[in-house]
């Protein structure tokens, strides 16, 4: 025998019914603290500083990719010795 029961309740009611803890206050504090830290870090960096640091990482990654491709092409096109 198989039967289905549909229960309409809010997430809060379901949490209480299942005996789960209410973590809303902890979550609110965590989100507030993260927001404060983000604002403090953003105030430390000017837009010019942020862009220059982002661009330097981008060019380093691009240079590394070019070196990788160059070494791959060099290895693939190098003359091979016959055994």
N, C-alpha and C. Protein backbone atom coordinates (compact mmCIF):
# COMPACT_ATOMS: atom_id res chain seq x y z
N UNK A 1 0.85 -1.16 0.00
CA UNK A 1 0.00 0.00 0.00
C UNK A 1 0.90 1.23 0.00
N UNK A 2 0.48 2.21 -0.76
CA UNK A 2 1.25 3.44 -0.84
C UNK A 2 0.28 4.60 -0.74
N UNK A 3 0.62 5.59 0.07
CA UNK A 3 -0.23 6.77 0.14
C UNK A 3 0.65 8.01 0.26
N UNK A 4 0.10 9.13 -0.13
CA UNK A 4 0.83 10.40 -0.13
C UNK A 4 0.11 11.39 0.75
N UNK A 5 0.89 12.12 1.53
CA UNK A 5 0.33 13.16 2.39
C UNK A 5 0.97 14.47 2.00
N UNK A 6 0.17 15.45 1.67
CA UNK A 6 0.66 16.79 1.36
C UNK A 6 0.42 17.69 2.56
N UNK A 7 1.47 18.35 3.01
CA UNK A 7 1.37 19.24 4.16
C UNK A 7 1.76 20.63 3.70
N UNK A 8 0.90 21.59 3.97
CA UNK A 8 1.21 22.97 3.65
C UNK A 8 1.64 23.68 4.92
N UNK A 9 2.88 24.15 4.90
CA UNK A 9 3.39 24.89 6.05
C UNK A 9 4.53 25.78 5.58
N UNK A 10 4.84 26.75 6.38
CA UNK A 10 5.94 27.65 6.05
C UNK A 10 7.26 26.96 6.41
N UNK A 11 8.37 27.46 5.87
CA UNK A 11 9.66 26.89 6.25
C UNK A 11 9.91 26.97 7.76
N UNK A 12 9.46 28.05 8.38
CA UNK A 12 9.61 28.21 9.83
C UNK A 12 8.84 27.11 10.57
N UNK A 13 7.61 26.84 10.15
CA UNK A 13 6.81 25.79 10.78
C UNK A 13 7.45 24.41 10.58
N UNK A 14 7.98 24.16 9.39
CA UNK A 14 8.63 22.87 9.11
C UNK A 14 9.87 22.71 9.98
N UNK A 15 10.65 23.78 10.13
CA UNK A 15 11.86 23.73 10.96
C UNK A 15 11.50 23.39 12.39
N UNK A 16 10.50 24.06 12.93
CA UNK A 16 10.08 23.80 14.31
C UNK A 16 9.54 22.39 14.48
N UNK A 17 8.75 21.92 13.52
CA UNK A 17 8.17 20.59 13.59
C UNK A 17 9.26 19.51 13.61
N UNK A 18 10.32 19.73 12.83
CA UNK A 18 11.41 18.75 12.75
C UNK A 18 12.43 18.92 13.87
N UNK A 19 12.27 19.96 14.69
CA UNK A 19 13.16 20.16 15.82
C UNK A 19 14.51 20.75 15.46
N UNK A 20 14.60 21.41 14.32
CA UNK A 20 15.87 22.01 13.91
C UNK A 20 16.07 23.36 14.59
N UNK A 21 17.32 23.73 14.87
CA UNK A 21 17.56 25.01 15.55
C UNK A 21 17.35 26.19 14.61
N UNK A 22 16.99 27.32 15.20
CA UNK A 22 16.81 28.55 14.43
C UNK A 22 18.16 29.25 14.36
N UNK A 23 18.77 29.26 13.19
CA UNK A 23 20.09 29.87 13.02
C UNK A 23 20.00 31.27 12.41
N UNK A 24 18.82 31.84 12.36
CA UNK A 24 18.65 33.17 11.77
C UNK A 24 19.51 34.22 12.46
N UNK A 25 19.55 34.31 13.80
CA UNK A 25 20.39 35.33 14.42
C UNK A 25 21.88 35.16 14.09
N UNK A 26 22.35 33.93 14.06
CA UNK A 26 23.75 33.68 13.73
C UNK A 26 24.03 34.08 12.29
N UNK A 27 23.12 33.73 11.40
CA UNK A 27 23.28 34.08 9.99
C UNK A 27 23.29 35.59 9.80
N UNK A 28 22.39 36.29 10.49
CA UNK A 28 22.33 37.75 10.37
C UNK A 28 23.64 38.39 10.84
N UNK A 29 24.19 37.90 11.96
CA UNK A 29 25.45 38.44 12.46
C UNK A 29 26.59 38.17 11.48
N UNK A 30 26.61 36.97 10.92
CA UNK A 30 27.65 36.60 9.97
C UNK A 30 27.61 37.48 8.73
N UNK A 31 26.41 37.69 8.20
CA UNK A 31 26.26 38.54 7.02
C UNK A 31 26.65 39.98 7.33
N UNK A 32 26.26 40.49 8.49
CA UNK A 32 26.64 41.85 8.88
C UNK A 32 28.16 41.98 8.99
N UNK A 33 28.81 41.02 9.63
CA UNK A 33 30.27 41.06 9.79
C UNK A 33 30.97 41.00 8.45
N UNK A 34 30.50 40.14 7.56
CA UNK A 34 31.10 40.05 6.24
C UNK A 34 30.95 41.36 5.48
N UNK A 35 29.79 41.98 5.60
CA UNK A 35 29.57 43.27 4.95
C UNK A 35 30.51 44.34 5.48
N UNK A 36 30.70 44.36 6.81
CA UNK A 36 31.60 45.34 7.41
C UNK A 36 33.03 45.14 6.92
N UNK A 37 33.46 43.89 6.87
CA UNK A 37 34.83 43.60 6.42
C UNK A 37 35.02 43.97 4.96
N UNK A 38 34.02 43.69 4.14
CA UNK A 38 34.12 44.05 2.73
C UNK A 38 34.23 45.55 2.56
N UNK A 39 33.40 46.30 3.28
CA UNK A 39 33.44 47.75 3.18
C UNK A 39 34.80 48.29 3.64
N UNK A 40 35.33 47.73 4.73
CA UNK A 40 36.63 48.18 5.23
C UNK A 40 37.73 47.90 4.22
N UNK A 41 37.71 46.74 3.60
CA UNK A 41 38.73 46.41 2.61
C UNK A 41 38.60 47.26 1.35
N UNK A 42 37.38 47.54 0.94
CA UNK A 42 37.19 48.37 -0.25
C UNK A 42 37.64 49.80 -0.01
N UNK A 43 37.47 50.29 1.21
CA UNK A 43 37.91 51.65 1.52
C UNK A 43 39.42 51.76 1.48
N UNK A 44 40.13 50.65 1.77
CA UNK A 44 41.58 50.67 1.77
C UNK A 44 42.16 50.76 0.37
N UNK A 45 41.42 50.31 -0.61
CA UNK A 45 41.94 50.29 -1.97
C UNK A 45 41.22 51.30 -2.85
N UNK A 46 41.98 52.10 -3.50
CA UNK A 46 41.40 53.04 -4.45
C UNK A 46 41.10 52.29 -5.75
N UNK A 47 40.21 52.81 -6.57
CA UNK A 47 39.92 52.14 -7.85
C UNK A 47 41.17 51.97 -8.72
N UNK A 48 42.06 52.94 -8.69
CA UNK A 48 43.28 52.84 -9.50
C UNK A 48 44.16 51.68 -9.03
N UNK A 49 44.27 51.54 -7.70
CA UNK A 49 45.08 50.46 -7.14
C UNK A 49 44.48 49.10 -7.48
N UNK A 50 43.16 49.00 -7.36
CA UNK A 50 42.49 47.74 -7.66
C UNK A 50 42.69 47.36 -9.12
N UNK A 51 42.52 48.32 -10.03
CA UNK A 51 42.66 48.02 -11.45
C UNK A 51 44.10 47.63 -11.79
N UNK A 52 45.07 48.32 -11.19
CA UNK A 52 46.45 47.98 -11.51
C UNK A 52 46.80 46.58 -11.00
N UNK A 53 46.30 46.19 -9.83
CA UNK A 53 46.58 44.84 -9.33
C UNK A 53 45.88 43.79 -10.17
N UNK A 54 44.66 44.06 -10.60
CA UNK A 54 43.94 43.11 -11.44
C UNK A 54 44.62 42.97 -12.80
N UNK A 55 45.06 44.07 -13.36
CA UNK A 55 45.68 44.03 -14.68
C UNK A 55 47.02 43.30 -14.63
N UNK A 56 47.79 43.47 -13.55
CA UNK A 56 49.08 42.78 -13.48
C UNK A 56 48.88 41.27 -13.41
N UNK A 57 47.87 40.83 -12.70
CA UNK A 57 47.58 39.39 -12.64
C UNK A 57 47.14 38.91 -14.01
N UNK A 58 46.34 39.70 -14.70
CA UNK A 58 45.87 39.31 -16.03
C UNK A 58 47.00 39.18 -17.02
N UNK A 59 47.94 40.11 -17.01
CA UNK A 59 49.05 40.03 -17.95
C UNK A 59 49.99 38.89 -17.59
N UNK A 60 50.16 38.61 -16.31
CA UNK A 60 51.01 37.48 -15.92
C UNK A 60 50.41 36.16 -16.41
N UNK A 61 49.11 36.04 -16.27
CA UNK A 61 48.45 34.81 -16.74
C UNK A 61 48.55 34.70 -18.25
N UNK A 62 48.40 35.82 -18.94
CA UNK A 62 48.49 35.83 -20.40
C UNK A 62 49.91 35.45 -20.84
N UNK A 63 50.92 35.99 -20.18
CA UNK A 63 52.31 35.67 -20.52
C UNK A 63 52.60 34.18 -20.28
N UNK A 64 52.09 33.65 -19.17
CA UNK A 64 52.30 32.23 -18.87
C UNK A 64 51.63 31.35 -19.93
N UNK A 65 50.45 31.74 -20.38
CA UNK A 65 49.74 30.98 -21.40
C UNK A 65 50.51 31.00 -22.72
N UNK A 66 51.03 32.16 -23.10
CA UNK A 66 51.81 32.28 -24.34
C UNK A 66 53.06 31.41 -24.25
N UNK A 67 53.75 31.40 -23.10
CA UNK A 67 54.94 30.57 -22.94
C UNK A 67 54.58 29.08 -23.05
N UNK A 68 53.45 28.70 -22.47
CA UNK A 68 53.02 27.31 -22.54
C UNK A 68 52.74 26.90 -23.98
N UNK A 69 52.03 27.74 -24.72
CA UNK A 69 51.72 27.42 -26.11
C UNK A 69 52.98 27.40 -26.96
N UNK A 70 53.89 28.32 -26.72
CA UNK A 70 55.14 28.36 -27.48
C UNK A 70 55.97 27.10 -27.25
N UNK A 71 56.08 26.68 -26.00
CA UNK A 71 56.86 25.47 -25.72
C UNK A 71 56.18 24.24 -26.32
N UNK A 72 54.86 24.22 -26.33
CA UNK A 72 54.14 23.09 -26.93
C UNK A 72 54.36 23.02 -28.43
N UNK A 73 54.30 24.16 -29.09
CA UNK A 73 54.51 24.20 -30.54
C UNK A 73 55.95 23.84 -30.87
N UNK A 74 56.89 24.35 -30.08
CA UNK A 74 58.30 24.04 -30.30
C UNK A 74 58.56 22.54 -30.17
N UNK A 75 57.98 21.94 -29.14
CA UNK A 75 58.16 20.49 -28.94
C UNK A 75 57.50 19.69 -30.04
N UNK A 76 56.35 20.15 -30.53
CA UNK A 76 55.63 19.40 -31.56
C UNK A 76 56.31 19.51 -32.92
N UNK A 77 57.00 20.61 -33.19
CA UNK A 77 57.59 20.81 -34.51
C UNK A 77 59.08 20.50 -34.55
N UNK A 78 59.67 20.09 -33.42
CA UNK A 78 61.08 19.79 -33.37
C UNK A 78 61.36 18.52 -34.19
N UNK A 79 62.48 18.51 -34.92
CA UNK A 79 62.80 17.30 -35.69
C UNK A 79 63.05 16.13 -34.75
N UNK A 80 62.56 14.97 -35.16
CA UNK A 80 62.71 13.77 -34.34
C UNK A 80 63.78 12.88 -34.91
N UNK A 81 64.49 12.25 -33.99
CA UNK A 81 65.53 11.29 -34.42
C UNK A 81 64.89 9.96 -34.76
N UNK A 82 65.39 9.34 -35.81
CA UNK A 82 64.88 8.02 -36.19
C UNK A 82 65.57 6.95 -35.37
N UNK A 83 64.82 5.96 -34.89
CA UNK A 83 65.44 4.91 -34.05
C UNK A 83 66.34 4.00 -34.81
